[in-house]
PDB file of N, CA and C in Angstrom:
ATOM      1  N   UNK A   1      25.160  -3.697 -22.415  1.00  0.00           N
ATOM      2  CA  UNK A   1      25.325  -2.314 -21.453  1.00  0.00           C
ATOM      3  C   UNK A   1      24.283  -0.944 -21.802  1.00  0.00           C
ATOM      4  N   UNK A   2      23.765  -0.369 -20.969  1.00  0.00           N
ATOM      5  CA  UNK A   2      22.799   0.685 -21.478  1.00  0.00           C
ATOM      6  C   UNK A   2      23.293   1.925 -21.054  1.00  0.00           C
ATOM      7  N   UNK A   3      22.516   2.671 -21.698  1.00  0.00           N
ATOM      8  CA  UNK A   3      23.056   4.318 -21.658  1.00  0.00           C
ATOM      9  C   UNK A   3      21.767   5.212 -20.969  1.00  0.00           C
ATOM     10  N   UNK A   4      22.281   5.786 -20.357  1.00  0.00           N
ATOM     11  CA  UNK A   4      21.044   6.700 -19.198  1.00  0.00           C
ATOM     12  C   UNK A   4      20.781   7.563 -20.327  1.00  0.00           C
ATOM     13  N   UNK A   5      19.367   7.954 -20.555  1.00  0.00           N
ATOM     14  CA  UNK A   5      19.275   8.631 -21.589  1.00  0.00           C
ATOM     15  C   UNK A   5      19.142  10.312 -20.949  1.00  0.00           C
ATOM     16  N   UNK A   6      19.830  10.925 -22.084  1.00  0.00           N
ATOM     17  CA  UNK A   6      20.025  12.386 -21.978  1.00  0.00           C
ATOM     18  C   UNK A   6      19.485  12.931 -21.331  1.00  0.00           C
ATOM     19  N   UNK A   7      17.592  12.919 -21.951  1.00  0.00           N
ATOM     20  CA  UNK A   7      16.861  14.212 -21.217  1.00  0.00           C
ATOM     21  C   UNK A   7      16.536  14.080 -20.049  1.00  0.00           C
ATOM     22  N   UNK A   8      17.329  12.393 -19.738  1.00  0.00           N
ATOM     23  CA  UNK A   8      16.774  12.543 -18.284  1.00  0.00           C
ATOM     24  C   UNK A   8      17.486  13.299 -17.474  1.00  0.00           C
ATOM     25  N   UNK A   9      18.597  13.179 -17.875  1.00  0.00           N
ATOM     26  CA  UNK A   9      19.835  14.047 -16.631  1.00  0.00           C
ATOM     27  C   UNK A   9      19.431  15.852 -16.748  1.00  0.00           C
ATOM     28  N   UNK A  10      18.895  15.928 -17.815  1.00  0.00           N
ATOM     29  CA  UNK A  10      18.697  17.552 -17.988  1.00  0.00           C
ATOM     30  C   UNK A  10      17.397  17.569 -17.202  1.00  0.00           C
ATOM     31  N   UNK A  11      16.764  17.027 -16.183  1.00  0.00           N
ATOM     32  CA  UNK A  11      15.085  17.452 -15.609  1.00  0.00           C
ATOM     33  C   UNK A  11      15.810  17.872 -14.075  1.00  0.00           C
ATOM     34  N   UNK A  12      15.016  18.616 -13.391  1.00  0.00           N
ATOM     35  CA  UNK A  12      15.251  19.174 -12.077  1.00  0.00           C
ATOM     36  C   UNK A  12      15.081  18.060 -11.477  1.00  0.00           C
ATOM     37  N   UNK A  13      16.915  18.219 -10.037  1.00  0.00           N
ATOM     38  CA  UNK A  13      16.387  17.490  -9.494  1.00  0.00           C
ATOM     39  C   UNK A  13      14.722  16.851  -8.785  1.00  0.00           C
ATOM     40  N   UNK A  14      13.775  18.115  -7.972  1.00  0.00           N
ATOM     41  CA  UNK A  14      12.815  17.914  -7.415  1.00  0.00           C
ATOM     42  C   UNK A  14      11.492  17.359  -8.768  1.00  0.00           C
ATOM     43  N   UNK A  15      11.875  17.165  -9.670  1.00  0.00           N
ATOM     44  CA  UNK A  15      11.169  16.707 -10.766  1.00  0.00           C
ATOM     45  C   UNK A  15       9.917  15.055 -10.457  1.00  0.00           C
ATOM     46  N   UNK A  16      10.506  14.705 -10.361  1.00  0.00           N
ATOM     47  CA  UNK A  16      10.126  12.917 -10.164  1.00  0.00           C
ATOM     48  C   UNK A  16       9.454  12.996  -8.525  1.00  0.00           C
ATOM     49  N   UNK A  17       9.961  13.505  -7.653  1.00  0.00           N
ATOM     50  CA  UNK A  17       8.640  13.517  -6.819  1.00  0.00           C
ATOM     51  C   UNK A  17       7.568  14.160  -6.036  1.00  0.00           C
ATOM     52  N   UNK A  18       7.841  15.783  -5.361  1.00  0.00           N
ATOM     53  CA  UNK A  18       7.602  16.442  -5.470  1.00  0.00           C
ATOM     54  C   UNK A  18       6.525  17.238  -6.778  1.00  0.00           C
ATOM     55  N   UNK A  19       6.810  17.428  -8.183  1.00  0.00           N
ATOM     56  CA  UNK A  19       6.730  17.643  -8.666  1.00  0.00           C
ATOM     57  C   UNK A  19       5.215  16.939  -8.982  1.00  0.00           C
ATOM     58  N   UNK A  20       5.076  15.347  -8.852  1.00  0.00           N
ATOM     59  CA  UNK A  20       4.658  14.619 -10.363  1.00  0.00           C
ATOM     60  C   UNK A  20       3.585  14.195  -8.088  1.00  0.00           C
ATOM     61  N   UNK A  21       4.327  14.805  -7.530  1.00  0.00           N
ATOM     62  CA  UNK A  21       3.223  14.265  -6.679  1.00  0.00           C
ATOM     63  C   UNK A  21       2.140  15.451  -5.911  1.00  0.00           C
ATOM     64  N   UNK A  22       3.288  16.730  -6.133  1.00  0.00           N
ATOM     65  CA  UNK A  22       1.816  18.306  -6.267  1.00  0.00           C
ATOM     66  C   UNK A  22       0.213  17.474  -7.537  1.00  0.00           C
ATOM     67  N   UNK A  23       1.328  17.198  -8.643  1.00  0.00           N
ATOM     68  CA  UNK A  23      -0.243  17.552  -9.740  1.00  0.00           C
ATOM     69  C   UNK A  23      -1.025  16.101  -9.571  1.00  0.00           C
ATOM     70  N   UNK A  24      -0.761  14.534  -9.180  1.00  0.00           N
ATOM     71  CA  UNK A  24      -1.136  14.382  -7.748  1.00  0.00           C
ATOM     72  C   UNK A  24      -2.800  14.210  -7.713  1.00  0.00           C
ATOM     73  N   UNK A  25      -2.032  15.243  -6.385  1.00  0.00           N
ATOM     74  CA  UNK A  25      -2.769  15.937  -6.009  1.00  0.00           C
ATOM     75  C   UNK A  25      -3.998  17.183  -6.126  1.00  0.00           C
ATOM     76  N   UNK A  26      -3.255  18.191  -6.975  1.00  0.00           N
ATOM     77  CA  UNK A  26      -4.376  19.371  -7.818  1.00  0.00           C
ATOM     78  C   UNK A  26      -5.197  18.256  -8.753  1.00  0.00           C
ATOM     79  N   UNK A  27      -4.841  17.104  -9.405  1.00  0.00           N
ATOM     80  CA  UNK A  27      -5.793  16.132 -10.082  1.00  0.00           C
ATOM     81  C   UNK A  27      -7.621  15.692  -9.134  1.00  0.00           C
ATOM     82  N   UNK A  28      -6.378  15.164  -8.332  1.00  0.00           N
ATOM     83  CA  UNK A  28      -7.703  14.986  -6.979  1.00  0.00           C
ATOM     84  C   UNK A  28      -8.378  15.917  -6.427  1.00  0.00           C
ATOM     85  N   UNK A  29      -7.964  17.176  -6.407  1.00  0.00           N
ATOM     86  CA  UNK A  29      -8.990  18.263  -5.733  1.00  0.00           C
ATOM     87  C   UNK A  29      -9.746  18.677  -6.188  1.00  0.00           C
ATOM     88  N   UNK A  30      -9.289  18.446  -8.166  1.00  0.00           N
ATOM     89  CA  UNK A  30     -10.051  19.100  -9.382  1.00  0.00           C
ATOM     90  C   UNK A  30     -11.594  17.669  -9.458  1.00  0.00           C
ATOM     91  N   UNK A  31     -11.385  16.127  -8.803  1.00  0.00           N
ATOM     92  CA  UNK A  31     -11.688  15.425  -9.653  1.00  0.00           C
ATOM     93  C   UNK A  31     -12.194  13.926  -8.410  1.00  0.00           C
ATOM     94  N   UNK A  32     -12.536  14.202  -7.851  1.00  0.00           N
ATOM     95  CA  UNK A  32     -13.031  13.796  -6.675  1.00  0.00           C
ATOM     96  C   UNK A  32     -13.446  12.779  -6.541  1.00  0.00           C
ATOM     97  N   UNK A  33     -14.089  12.242  -7.550  1.00  0.00           N
ATOM     98  CA  UNK A  33     -14.829  10.859  -8.540  1.00  0.00           C
ATOM     99  C   UNK A  33     -14.338  10.067  -9.068  1.00  0.00           C
ATOM    100  N   UNK A  34     -12.770  11.187  -9.292  1.00  0.00           N
ATOM    101  CA  UNK A  34     -11.834   9.571  -9.766  1.00  0.00           C
ATOM    102  C   UNK A  34     -10.997   8.861  -9.139  1.00  0.00           C
ATOM    103  N   UNK A  35     -10.617   8.103  -9.238  1.00  0.00           N
ATOM    104  CA  UNK A  35      -9.635   7.143  -8.391  1.00  0.00           C
ATOM    105  C   UNK A  35      -8.396   6.570  -9.029  1.00  0.00           C
ATOM    106  N   UNK A  36      -7.357   7.407  -8.399  1.00  0.00           N
ATOM    107  CA  UNK A  36      -5.711   7.157  -9.115  1.00  0.00           C
ATOM    108  C   UNK A  36      -5.422   6.036  -8.865  1.00  0.00           C
ATOM    109  N   UNK A  37      -5.093   5.227  -8.918  1.00  0.00           N
ATOM    110  CA  UNK A  37      -3.601   4.621  -9.270  1.00  0.00           C
ATOM    111  C   UNK A  37      -1.975   4.501  -8.363  1.00  0.00           C
ATOM    112  N   UNK A  38      -2.314   4.360  -7.283  1.00  0.00           N
ATOM    113  CA  UNK A  38      -0.606   4.849  -7.592  1.00  0.00           C
ATOM    114  C   UNK A  38       0.595   3.609  -7.218  1.00  0.00           C
ATOM    115  N   UNK A  39       1.093   3.929  -8.134  1.00  0.00           N
ATOM    116  CA  UNK A  39       2.234   2.388  -7.526  1.00  0.00           C
ATOM    117  C   UNK A  39       3.242   2.998  -7.165  1.00  0.00           C
ATOM    118  N   UNK A  40       3.560   4.159  -6.377  1.00  0.00           N
ATOM    119  CA  UNK A  40       4.375   4.712  -6.250  1.00  0.00           C
ATOM    120  C   UNK A  40       6.229   4.266  -6.498  1.00  0.00           C
ATOM    121  N   UNK A  41       6.411   4.222  -5.642  1.00  0.00           N
ATOM    122  CA  UNK A  41       8.114   4.223  -6.633  1.00  0.00           C
ATOM    123  C   UNK A  41       9.091   2.522  -6.683  1.00  0.00           C
ATOM    124  N   UNK A  42       8.431   1.826  -5.517  1.00  0.00           N
ATOM    125  CA  UNK A  42       8.569   0.714  -5.515  1.00  0.00           C
ATOM    126  C   UNK A  42      10.409  -0.260  -6.165  1.00  0.00           C
ATOM    127  N   UNK A  43      10.766  -0.999  -7.011  1.00  0.00           N
ATOM    128  CA  UNK A  43      11.218  -1.817  -7.465  1.00  0.00           C
ATOM    129  C   UNK A  43      11.341  -2.234  -8.810  1.00  0.00           C
ATOM    130  N   UNK A  44      11.816  -0.763  -9.018  1.00  0.00           N
ATOM    131  CA  UNK A  44      11.702  -0.850 -10.968  1.00  0.00           C
ATOM    132  C   UNK A  44      12.552  -1.954 -11.904  1.00  0.00           C
ATOM    133  N   UNK A  45      13.385  -2.611 -11.124  1.00  0.00           N
ATOM    134  CA  UNK A  45      13.797  -3.339 -11.285  1.00  0.00           C
ATOM    135  C   UNK A  45      13.638  -4.738 -11.558  1.00  0.00           C
ATOM    136  N   UNK A  46      12.210  -4.922 -11.240  1.00  0.00           N
ATOM    137  CA  UNK A  46      12.004  -5.748 -10.936  1.00  0.00           C
ATOM    138  C   UNK A  46      10.271  -5.975 -12.218  1.00  0.00           C
ATOM    139  N   UNK A  47       9.767  -6.878 -12.378  1.00  0.00           N
ATOM    140  CA  UNK A  47       8.579  -6.865 -13.768  1.00  0.00           C
ATOM    141  C   UNK A  47       7.258  -6.670 -12.420  1.00  0.00           C
ATOM    142  N   UNK A  48       6.455  -5.915 -13.064  1.00  0.00           N
ATOM    143  CA  UNK A  48       5.031  -6.559 -12.196  1.00  0.00           C
ATOM    144  C   UNK A  48       4.802  -7.438 -11.890  1.00  0.00           C
ATOM    145  N   UNK A  49       3.481  -7.393 -10.931  1.00  0.00           N
ATOM    146  CA  UNK A  49       3.053  -8.474 -10.404  1.00  0.00           C
ATOM    147  C   UNK A  49       2.126  -9.020 -11.501  1.00  0.00           C
ATOM    148  N   UNK A  50       1.484  -9.857 -12.226  1.00  0.00           N
ATOM    149  CA  UNK A  50       0.716  -9.946 -12.791  1.00  0.00           C
ATOM    150  C   UNK A  50      -0.510  -9.757 -12.698  1.00  0.00           C
ATOM    151  N   UNK A  51      -0.943 -10.063 -11.105  1.00  0.00           N
ATOM    152  CA  UNK A  51      -1.870  -9.064 -10.378  1.00  0.00           C
ATOM    153  C   UNK A  51      -2.140  -7.182 -10.665  1.00  0.00           C
ATOM    154  N   UNK A  52      -1.364  -6.734 -10.440  1.00  0.00           N
ATOM    155  CA  UNK A  52      -1.573  -5.637 -11.295  1.00  0.00           C
ATOM    156  C   UNK A  52      -1.404  -5.344 -12.696  1.00  0.00           C
ATOM    157  N   UNK A  53      -0.893  -5.955 -13.671  1.00  0.00           N
ATOM    158  CA  UNK A  53      -0.827  -6.000 -15.090  1.00  0.00           C
ATOM    159  C   UNK A  53      -2.797  -6.209 -15.263  1.00  0.00           C
ATOM    160  N   UNK A  54      -3.354  -7.124 -14.629  1.00  0.00           N
ATOM    161  CA  UNK A  54      -4.375  -7.738 -14.448  1.00  0.00           C
ATOM    162  C   UNK A  54      -5.573  -6.367 -14.752  1.00  0.00           C
ATOM    163  N   UNK A  55      -5.252  -5.963 -12.877  1.00  0.00           N
ATOM    164  CA  UNK A  55      -6.065  -4.363 -12.217  1.00  0.00           C
ATOM    165  C   UNK A  55      -6.375  -3.272 -13.868  1.00  0.00           C
ATOM    166  N   UNK A  56      -4.440  -3.115 -14.363  1.00  0.00           N
ATOM    167  CA  UNK A  56      -4.909  -2.642 -15.009  1.00  0.00           C
ATOM    168  C   UNK A  56      -5.326  -2.550 -16.981  1.00  0.00           C
ATOM    169  N   UNK A  57      -5.027  -3.518 -17.192  1.00  0.00           N
ATOM    170  CA  UNK A  57      -5.811  -3.793 -18.164  1.00  0.00           C
ATOM    171  C   UNK A  57      -7.404  -3.910 -18.021  1.00  0.00           C
ATOM    172  N   UNK A  58      -7.509  -4.233 -16.926  1.00  0.00           N
ATOM    173  CA  UNK A  58      -9.118  -4.146 -16.629  1.00  0.00           C
ATOM    174  C   UNK A  58      -9.668  -3.444 -16.718  1.00  0.00           C
ATOM    175  N   UNK A  59      -8.887  -1.778 -15.923  1.00  0.00           N
ATOM    176  CA  UNK A  59      -8.915  -0.477 -15.665  1.00  0.00           C
ATOM    177  C   UNK A  59      -9.061   0.093 -17.115  1.00  0.00           C
ATOM    178  N   UNK A  60      -8.809  -0.621 -17.782  1.00  0.00           N
ATOM    179  CA  UNK A  60      -7.944   0.026 -19.735  1.00  0.00           C
ATOM    180  C   UNK A  60      -9.459  -0.515 -20.545  1.00  0.00           C
ATOM    181  N   UNK A  61      -9.596  -1.585 -20.051  1.00  0.00           N
ATOM    182  CA  UNK A  61     -10.624  -2.304 -21.091  1.00  0.00           C
ATOM    183  C   UNK A  61     -12.209  -1.160 -20.655  1.00  0.00           C
TER     184      UNK A  61
END
């Protein structure tokens, strides 16, 4: 059985979506030459597709 991290419950309701969206938009406005990889909400119960993992490794390398 799993247990929810108690700190997750302390986050304000808008944190996961509007705050992150605002921060991404601010970053893109300040750094128009940078590309942001948006993974979206997706289905977090499934593993990432191998092509995504390869792309992330390529970006890091």
